[in-house]
Amino acid sequence: MLLDSDAESDVAYELCQVVGRAILPYRSSGDFGTAFFFQDGHDPVGESLLTAADMVGGSGGELGLRTSVTEPAGVAPAVISEAEIVPGWARFAGDGVAVLPTAGLHRYAGDGGWRWRVQPVPAGIAAGPEVIARLAADASSAFVLAHGVREDGSRPLEVAIERVVRDGDAVLITTELPPGYVGAPVFIVQAEPTGEVSPYCLGLVLPGVGAHPVATFDRIRAVLPATPGDI
């Protein structure tokens, strides 16, 4: 669904309000990306952190913490080294996805005397096959929530309003995104048979040149059951 510019701005604002605290900056081996919390159902065990597989597996991975995603104020560190989190990332290179069960993140916070205050992307808006099938070669509005990289090294939360298309089995963002956007969630809106317009999280941004493939949620859901649990 292609929206006009005013409607796109409204959707971008609402997404920041609803899932803005799901999004965190990530860095590994000099590469900058984004990760986000996803809640698969109501069970806390179903909560995971997601990013692109190409972002993990190197050395020195760090997850950045914004002050708005932890409480009480001033207690949590500015970054968490991935080496301190058990279980660590499960990497599914064939699907382009990396999954980190968040049990270790919650233990780490508890040991440090603080708590997470996040807004995971809920399972109810994760795009199913029927949503993906409605995408076409005609462009639809897409909204990427990510932590970009400024010249001074800061990583603010940003929203890029882009275009997404389906080309055969591939789903693509049609332009090249700035540094820091790989791994970020991609949102769209679609009209329902009832006439209502609903938001969906289409998936996450994969690396690309000139355009970016999207690892759609049918691929993400396929690997979630294989992710190591709380050990």
C-alpha atoms as a PDB file:
ATOM      1  CA  MET A   1       0.000   0.000   0.000  1.00  0.00           C
ATOM      2  CA  LEU A   2       1.492   3.310  -1.119  1.00  0.00           C
ATOM      3  CA  LEU A   3       0.594   6.213   1.159  1.00  0.00           C
ATOM      4  CA  ASP A   4       0.788   9.947   0.599  1.00  0.00           C
ATOM      5  CA  SER A   5       3.507  11.865   2.441  1.00  0.00           C
ATOM      6  CA  ASP A   6       1.247  13.089   5.252  1.00  0.00           C
ATOM      7  CA  ALA A   7      -0.039   9.589   5.962  1.00  0.00           C
ATOM      8  CA  GLU A   8       3.512   8.241   5.886  1.00  0.00           C
ATOM      9  CA  SER A   9       4.578  10.789   8.486  1.00  0.00           C
ATOM     10  CA  ASP A  10       1.641   9.807  10.688  1.00  0.00           C
ATOM     11  CA  VAL A  11       2.495   6.105  10.454  1.00  0.00           C
ATOM     12  CA  ALA A  12       6.166   6.774  11.211  1.00  0.00           C
ATOM     13  CA  TYR A  13       5.216   8.751  14.319  1.00  0.00           C
ATOM     14  CA  GLU A  14       2.840   6.040  15.568  1.00  0.00           C
ATOM     15  CA  LEU A  15       5.414   3.290  15.041  1.00  0.00           C
ATOM     16  CA  CYS A  16       7.942   5.207  17.136  1.00  0.00           C
ATOM     17  CA  GLN A  17       5.388   5.474  19.932  1.00  0.00           C
ATOM     18  CA  VAL A  18       4.384   1.792  19.834  1.00  0.00           C
ATOM     19  CA  VAL A  19       7.674  -0.048  19.182  1.00  0.00           C
ATOM     20  CA  GLY A  20      10.361   2.620  19.514  1.00  0.00           C
ATOM     21  CA  ARG A  21      11.775   0.993  22.638  1.00  0.00           C
ATOM     22  CA  ALA A  22      12.145  -2.338  20.811  1.00  0.00           C
ATOM     23  CA  ILE A  23      15.042  -0.958  18.759  1.00  0.00           C
ATOM     24  CA  LEU A  24      18.692  -0.978  19.900  1.00  0.00           C
ATOM     25  CA  PRO A  25      22.008  -0.125  18.228  1.00  0.00           C
ATOM     26  CA  TYR A  26      24.383  -3.024  17.599  1.00  0.00           C
ATOM     27  CA  ARG A  27      28.036  -3.113  16.573  1.00  0.00           C
ATOM     28  CA  SER A  28      30.312  -5.991  15.643  1.00  0.00           C
ATOM     29  CA  SER A  29      33.823  -6.043  14.182  1.00  0.00           C
ATOM     30  CA  GLY A  30      33.569  -2.426  13.099  1.00  0.00           C
ATOM     31  CA  ASP A  31      30.198  -2.897  11.387  1.00  0.00           C
ATOM     32  CA  PHE A  32      27.216  -0.916  12.632  1.00  0.00           C
ATOM     33  CA  GLY A  33      23.712  -2.328  12.612  1.00  0.00           C
ATOM     34  CA  THR A  34      20.453  -2.503  14.512  1.00  0.00           C
ATOM     35  CA  ALA A  35      18.743  -5.200  16.582  1.00  0.00           C
ATOM     36  CA  PHE A  36      15.191  -5.369  17.884  1.00  0.00           C
ATOM     37  CA  PHE A  37      13.131  -7.214  20.477  1.00  0.00           C
ATOM     38  CA  PHE A  38      10.353  -9.535  19.242  1.00  0.00           C
ATOM     39  CA  GLN A  39       7.735 -11.158  21.459  1.00  0.00           C
ATOM     40  CA  ASP A  40       6.404 -14.422  20.000  1.00  0.00           C
ATOM     41  CA  GLY A  41       3.163 -14.818  21.970  1.00  0.00           C
ATOM     42  CA  HIS A  42       2.489 -13.846  25.592  1.00  0.00           C
ATOM     43  CA  ASP A  43       5.047 -16.172  27.223  1.00  0.00           C
ATOM     44  CA  PRO A  44       8.233 -14.298  28.280  1.00  0.00           C
ATOM     45  CA  VAL A  45      10.230 -17.338  27.122  1.00  0.00           C
ATOM     46  CA  GLY A  46       9.155 -16.391  23.589  1.00  0.00           C
ATOM     47  CA  GLU A  47      10.996 -13.071  23.647  1.00  0.00           C
ATOM     48  CA  SER A  48      14.019 -12.792  21.347  1.00  0.00           C
ATOM     49  CA  LEU A  49      16.418 -10.177  20.040  1.00  0.00           C
ATOM     50  CA  LEU A  50      16.703 -10.269  16.243  1.00  0.00           C
ATOM     51  CA  THR A  51      19.222  -8.911  13.763  1.00  0.00           C
ATOM     52  CA  ALA A  52      20.858  -9.862  10.457  1.00  0.00           C
ATOM     53  CA  ALA A  53      23.119 -12.926  10.474  1.00  0.00           C
ATOM     54  CA  ASP A  54      25.925 -10.908   8.856  1.00  0.00           C
ATOM     55  CA  MET A  55      26.055  -8.671  11.932  1.00  0.00           C
ATOM     56  CA  VAL A  56      27.030 -11.441  14.366  1.00  0.00           C
ATOM     57  CA  GLY A  57      29.735 -14.068  14.581  1.00  0.00           C
ATOM     58  CA  GLY A  58      32.694 -11.705  14.625  1.00  0.00           C
ATOM     59  CA  SER A  59      34.585 -10.426  17.629  1.00  0.00           C
ATOM     60  CA  GLY A  60      33.753  -7.555  19.928  1.00  0.00           C
ATOM     61  CA  GLY A  61      29.997  -7.459  19.434  1.00  0.00           C
ATOM     62  CA  GLU A  62      28.268  -4.805  21.541  1.00  0.00           C
ATOM     63  CA  LEU A  63      24.631  -3.976  22.159  1.00  0.00           C
ATOM     64  CA  GLY A  64      24.007  -0.304  22.910  1.00  0.00           C
ATOM     65  CA  LEU A  65      21.525   0.769  25.580  1.00  0.00           C
ATOM     66  CA  ARG A  66      19.419   3.917  25.325  1.00  0.00           C
ATOM     67  CA  THR A  67      18.375   5.435  28.640  1.00  0.00           C
ATOM     68  CA  SER A  68      14.703   4.962  27.708  1.00  0.00           C
ATOM     69  CA  VAL A  69      14.962   1.138  27.583  1.00  0.00           C
ATOM     70  CA  THR A  70      16.203   0.533  31.147  1.00  0.00           C
ATOM     71  CA  GLU A  71      15.160   1.426  34.701  1.00  0.00           C
ATOM     72  CA  PRO A  72      15.974   2.796  37.226  1.00  0.00           C
ATOM     73  CA  ALA A  73      17.813   5.650  35.554  1.00  0.00           C
ATOM     74  CA  GLY A  74      21.601   5.760  35.678  1.00  0.00           C
ATOM     75  CA  VAL A  75      22.203   2.133  36.676  1.00  0.00           C
ATOM     76  CA  ALA A  76      22.526   0.194  33.411  1.00  0.00           C
ATOM     77  CA  PRO A  77      25.778   0.380  31.412  1.00  0.00           C
ATOM     78  CA  ALA A  78      25.980   2.190  28.084  1.00  0.00           C
ATOM     79  CA  VAL A  79      26.808  -1.038  26.206  1.00  0.00           C
ATOM     80  CA  ILE A  80      26.666  -4.778  26.808  1.00  0.00           C
ATOM     81  CA  SER A  81      29.340  -7.031  25.358  1.00  0.00           C
ATOM     82  CA  GLU A  82      27.788 -10.061  23.652  1.00  0.00           C
ATOM     83  CA  ALA A  83      30.464 -12.199  25.349  1.00  0.00           C
ATOM     84  CA  GLU A  84      28.674 -11.546  28.655  1.00  0.00           C
ATOM     85  CA  ILE A  85      25.340 -12.992  27.493  1.00  0.00           C
ATOM     86  CA  VAL A  86      24.498 -16.716  27.746  1.00  0.00           C
ATOM     87  CA  PRO A  87      22.966 -18.198  25.664  1.00  0.00           C
ATOM     88  CA  GLY A  88      24.442 -16.176  22.818  1.00  0.00           C
ATOM     89  CA  TRP A  89      23.361 -15.543  19.259  1.00  0.00           C
ATOM     90  CA  ALA A  90      22.035 -18.385  17.124  1.00  0.00           C
ATOM     91  CA  ARG A  91      23.024 -17.598  13.536  1.00  0.00           C
ATOM     92  CA  PHE A  92      21.014 -18.876  10.565  1.00  0.00           C
ATOM     93  CA  ALA A  93      23.103 -17.759   7.610  1.00  0.00           C
ATOM     94  CA  GLY A  94      20.853 -19.389   4.994  1.00  0.00           C
ATOM     95  CA  ASP A  95      17.931 -17.265   6.139  1.00  0.00           C
ATOM     96  CA  GLY A  96      20.007 -14.164   6.892  1.00  0.00           C
ATOM     97  CA  VAL A  97      18.751 -14.055  10.484  1.00  0.00           C
ATOM     98  CA  ALA A  98      20.392 -14.121  13.922  1.00  0.00           C
ATOM     99  CA  VAL A  99      18.356 -14.763  17.079  1.00  0.00           C
ATOM    100  CA  LEU A 100      19.311 -14.114  20.700  1.00  0.00           C
ATOM    101  CA  PRO A 101      16.921 -15.506  23.350  1.00  0.00           C
ATOM    102  CA  THR A 102      16.588 -12.736  25.919  1.00  0.00           C
ATOM    103  CA  ALA A 103      16.769 -14.857  29.087  1.00  0.00           C
ATOM    104  CA  GLY A 104      20.475 -14.029  29.351  1.00  0.00           C
ATOM    105  CA  LEU A 105      19.808 -10.324  28.846  1.00  0.00           C
ATOM    106  CA  HIS A 106      17.281 -10.317  31.680  1.00  0.00           C
ATOM    107  CA  ARG A 107      19.658 -12.222  33.974  1.00  0.00           C
ATOM    108  CA  TYR A 108      22.434  -9.760  33.159  1.00  0.00           C
ATOM    109  CA  ALA A 109      20.163  -6.846  34.038  1.00  0.00           C
ATOM    110  CA  GLY A 110      19.022  -8.442  37.291  1.00  0.00           C
ATOM    111  CA  ASP A 111      22.605  -9.123  38.350  1.00  0.00           C
ATOM    112  CA  GLY A 112      23.404  -5.452  37.707  1.00  0.00           C
ATOM    113  CA  GLY A 113      20.460  -4.109  39.681  1.00  0.00           C
ATOM    114  CA  TRP A 114      18.401  -2.812  36.772  1.00  0.00           C
ATOM    115  CA  ARG A 115      15.513  -3.915  34.521  1.00  0.00           C
ATOM    116  CA  TRP A 116      14.680  -3.780  30.838  1.00  0.00           C
ATOM    117  CA  ARG A 117      11.901  -1.391  29.838  1.00  0.00           C
ATOM    118  CA  VAL A 118      11.315  -2.345  26.224  1.00  0.00           C
ATOM    119  CA  GLN A 119       8.397  -2.517  23.776  1.00  0.00           C
ATOM    120  CA  PRO A 120       8.960  -5.746  21.804  1.00  0.00           C
ATOM    121  CA  VAL A 121       7.471  -5.987  18.349  1.00  0.00           C
ATOM    122  CA  PRO A 122       4.406  -8.159  19.095  1.00  0.00           C
ATOM    123  CA  ALA A 123       3.641 -11.407  17.295  1.00  0.00           C
ATOM    124  CA  GLY A 124       0.263 -10.005  16.278  1.00  0.00           C
ATOM    125  CA  ILE A 125       1.799  -7.643  13.730  1.00  0.00           C
ATOM    126  CA  ALA A 126       4.457 -10.016  12.360  1.00  0.00           C
ATOM    127  CA  ALA A 127       3.613 -10.415   8.675  1.00  0.00           C
ATOM    128  CA  GLY A 128       2.294 -13.842   7.754  1.00  0.00           C
ATOM    129  CA  PRO A 129       2.450 -15.450   4.289  1.00  0.00           C
ATOM    130  CA  GLU A 130      -0.844 -13.840   3.262  1.00  0.00           C
ATOM    131  CA  VAL A 131       0.523 -10.349   3.996  1.00  0.00           C
ATOM    132  CA  ILE A 132       3.720 -11.048   2.068  1.00  0.00           C
ATOM    133  CA  ALA A 133       1.713 -12.499  -0.834  1.00  0.00           C
ATOM    134  CA  ARG A 134      -0.211  -9.219  -1.182  1.00  0.00           C
ATOM    135  CA  LEU A 135       3.013  -7.350  -1.929  1.00  0.00           C
ATOM    136  CA  ALA A 136       3.600  -6.785  -5.628  1.00  0.00           C
ATOM    137  CA  ALA A 137       6.022  -5.249  -8.119  1.00  0.00           C
ATOM    138  CA  ASP A 138       4.225  -1.957  -7.513  1.00  0.00           C
ATOM    139  CA  ALA A 139       5.938  -0.092  -4.691  1.00  0.00           C
ATOM    140  CA  SER A 140       4.457   0.037  -1.193  1.00  0.00           C
ATOM    141  CA  SER A 141       5.410   2.436   1.586  1.00  0.00           C
ATOM    142  CA  ALA A 142       7.946   0.935   3.990  1.00  0.00           C
ATOM    143  CA  PHE A 143       9.149   2.232   7.343  1.00  0.00           C
ATOM    144  CA  VAL A 144      12.549   1.215   8.717  1.00  0.00           C
ATOM    145  CA  LEU A 145      13.216   1.952  12.410  1.00  0.00           C
ATOM    146  CA  ALA A 146      16.954   1.907  12.950  1.00  0.00           C
ATOM    147  CA  HIS A 147      19.901   3.411  14.760  1.00  0.00           C
ATOM    148  CA  GLY A 148      21.853   5.313  12.163  1.00  0.00           C
ATOM    149  CA  VAL A 149      25.445   6.479  12.540  1.00  0.00           C
ATOM    150  CA  ARG A 150      26.103  10.218  12.777  1.00  0.00           C
ATOM    151  CA  GLU A 151      29.426  11.901  11.993  1.00  0.00           C
ATOM    152  CA  ASP A 152      30.099  12.339  15.714  1.00  0.00           C
ATOM    153  CA  GLY A 153      29.606   8.598  16.304  1.00  0.00           C
ATOM    154  CA  SER A 154      26.210   8.944  17.980  1.00  0.00           C
ATOM    155  CA  ARG A 155      23.498   6.369  17.187  1.00  0.00           C
ATOM    156  CA  PRO A 156      20.092   8.092  17.292  1.00  0.00           C
ATOM    157  CA  LEU A 157      16.845   6.280  16.598  1.00  0.00           C
ATOM    158  CA  GLU A 158      15.696   7.170  13.084  1.00  0.00           C
ATOM    159  CA  VAL A 159      12.849   6.315  10.733  1.00  0.00           C
ATOM    160  CA  ALA A 160      13.577   5.915   7.034  1.00  0.00           C
ATOM    161  CA  ILE A 161      10.471   6.064   4.829  1.00  0.00           C
ATOM    162  CA  GLU A 162      11.266   3.954   1.784  1.00  0.00           C
ATOM    163  CA  ARG A 163       9.633   1.763  -0.880  1.00  0.00           C
ATOM    164  CA  VAL A 164       9.338  -2.022  -0.836  1.00  0.00           C
ATOM    165  CA  VAL A 165       8.473  -4.383  -3.699  1.00  0.00           C
ATOM    166  CA  ARG A 166       8.139  -8.120  -4.250  1.00  0.00           C
ATOM    167  CA  ASP A 167      10.213  -9.560  -7.092  1.00  0.00           C
ATOM    168  CA  GLY A 168       9.320 -13.223  -7.413  1.00  0.00           C
ATOM    169  CA  ASP A 169      10.130 -14.773  -4.046  1.00  0.00           C
ATOM    170  CA  ALA A 170      12.312 -11.827  -3.007  1.00  0.00           C
ATOM    171  CA  VAL A 171      11.137  -8.799  -1.040  1.00  0.00           C
ATOM    172  CA  LEU A 172      13.308  -5.728  -1.583  1.00  0.00           C
ATOM    173  CA  ILE A 173      13.739  -2.214  -0.236  1.00  0.00           C
ATOM    174  CA  THR A 174      14.410  -0.370  -3.462  1.00  0.00           C
ATOM    175  CA  THR A 175      17.117   2.033  -2.251  1.00  0.00           C
ATOM    176  CA  GLU A 176      20.398   1.659  -0.382  1.00  0.00           C
ATOM    177  CA  LEU A 177      20.062   2.519   3.288  1.00  0.00           C
ATOM    178  CA  PRO A 178      22.586   4.466   5.387  1.00  0.00           C
ATOM    179  CA  PRO A 179      25.121   2.781   7.713  1.00  0.00           C
ATOM    180  CA  GLY A 180      23.582   1.234  10.814  1.00  0.00           C
ATOM    181  CA  TYR A 181      20.358   0.016   9.202  1.00  0.00           C
ATOM    182  CA  VAL A 182      21.233  -3.646   8.584  1.00  0.00           C
ATOM    183  CA  GLY A 183      19.212  -5.813  10.963  1.00  0.00           C
ATOM    184  CA  ALA A 184      16.525  -3.186  11.536  1.00  0.00           C
ATOM    185  CA  PRO A 185      12.812  -4.024  11.398  1.00  0.00           C
ATOM    186  CA  VAL A 186      10.794  -3.068   8.323  1.00  0.00           C
ATOM    187  CA  PHE A 187       7.121  -2.092   8.680  1.00  0.00           C
ATOM    188  CA  ILE A 188       4.343  -1.718   6.121  1.00  0.00           C
ATOM    189  CA  VAL A 189       0.605  -1.037   6.211  1.00  0.00           C
ATOM    190  CA  GLN A 190      -2.054  -2.923   4.294  1.00  0.00           C
ATOM    191  CA  ALA A 191      -5.794  -2.503   3.766  1.00  0.00           C
ATOM    192  CA  GLU A 192      -7.864  -5.306   5.279  1.00  0.00           C
ATOM    193  CA  PRO A 193     -11.046  -6.774   3.715  1.00  0.00           C
ATOM    194  CA  THR A 194     -12.985  -4.828   6.377  1.00  0.00           C
ATOM    195  CA  GLY A 195     -11.590  -1.570   4.997  1.00  0.00           C
ATOM    196  CA  GLU A 196      -9.353  -0.940   7.997  1.00  0.00           C
ATOM    197  CA  VAL A 197      -5.646  -0.283   7.569  1.00  0.00           C
ATOM    198  CA  SER A 198      -3.295  -2.437   9.663  1.00  0.00           C
ATOM    199  CA  PRO A 199       0.441  -2.154  10.350  1.00  0.00           C
ATOM    200  CA  TYR A 200       2.704  -5.171   9.896  1.00  0.00           C
ATOM    201  CA  CYS A 201       6.340  -5.893  10.655  1.00  0.00           C
ATOM    202  CA  LEU A 202       7.507  -7.327   7.360  1.00  0.00           C
ATOM    203  CA  GLY A 203      10.881  -8.583   8.608  1.00  0.00           C
ATOM    204  CA  LEU A 204      14.421  -7.221   8.901  1.00  0.00           C
ATOM    205  CA  VAL A 205      16.914  -5.488   6.635  1.00  0.00           C
ATOM    206  CA  LEU A 206      19.674  -7.597   5.070  1.00  0.00           C
ATOM    207  CA  PRO A 207      22.908  -6.232   3.555  1.00  0.00           C
ATOM    208  CA  GLY A 208      22.680  -4.999  -0.018  1.00  0.00           C
ATOM    209  CA  VAL A 209      24.159  -2.685  -2.624  1.00  0.00           C
ATOM    210  CA  GLY A 210      21.727  -0.340  -4.325  1.00  0.00           C
ATOM    211  CA  ALA A 211      18.808  -2.173  -2.709  1.00  0.00           C
ATOM    212  CA  HIS A 212      18.284  -4.332   0.375  1.00  0.00           C
ATOM    213  CA  PRO A 213      16.655  -7.767   0.592  1.00  0.00           C
ATOM    214  CA  VAL A 214      14.273  -8.221   3.514  1.00  0.00           C
ATOM    215  CA  ALA A 215      14.313 -11.398   5.630  1.00  0.00           C
ATOM    216  CA  THR A 216      10.553 -11.730   5.936  1.00  0.00           C
ATOM    217  CA  PHE A 217       8.817 -13.042   9.031  1.00  0.00           C
ATOM    218  CA  ASP A 218       7.927 -16.378   7.469  1.00  0.00           C
ATOM    219  CA  ARG A 219      11.689 -17.033   7.343  1.00  0.00           C
ATOM    220  CA  ILE A 220      12.232 -15.633  10.831  1.00  0.00           C
ATOM    221  CA  ARG A 221       9.462 -17.754  12.355  1.00  0.00           C
ATOM    222  CA  ALA A 222      10.902 -20.866  10.710  1.00  0.00           C
ATOM    223  CA  VAL A 223      14.122 -20.551  12.742  1.00  0.00           C
ATOM    224  CA  LEU A 224      12.695 -19.410  16.067  1.00  0.00           C
ATOM    225  CA  PRO A 225      11.819 -22.955  17.301  1.00  0.00           C
ATOM    226  CA  ALA A 226      15.421 -24.013  16.585  1.00  0.00           C
ATOM    227  CA  THR A 227      16.850 -21.252  18.760  1.00  0.00           C
ATOM    228  CA  PRO A 228      18.546 -22.401  21.983  1.00  0.00           C
ATOM    229  CA  GLY A 229      16.483 -21.678  25.048  1.00  0.00           C
ATOM    230  CA  ASP A 230      17.347 -20.692  28.612  1.00  0.00           C
ATOM    231  CA  ILE A 231      20.425 -22.707  29.569  1.00  0.00           C
END
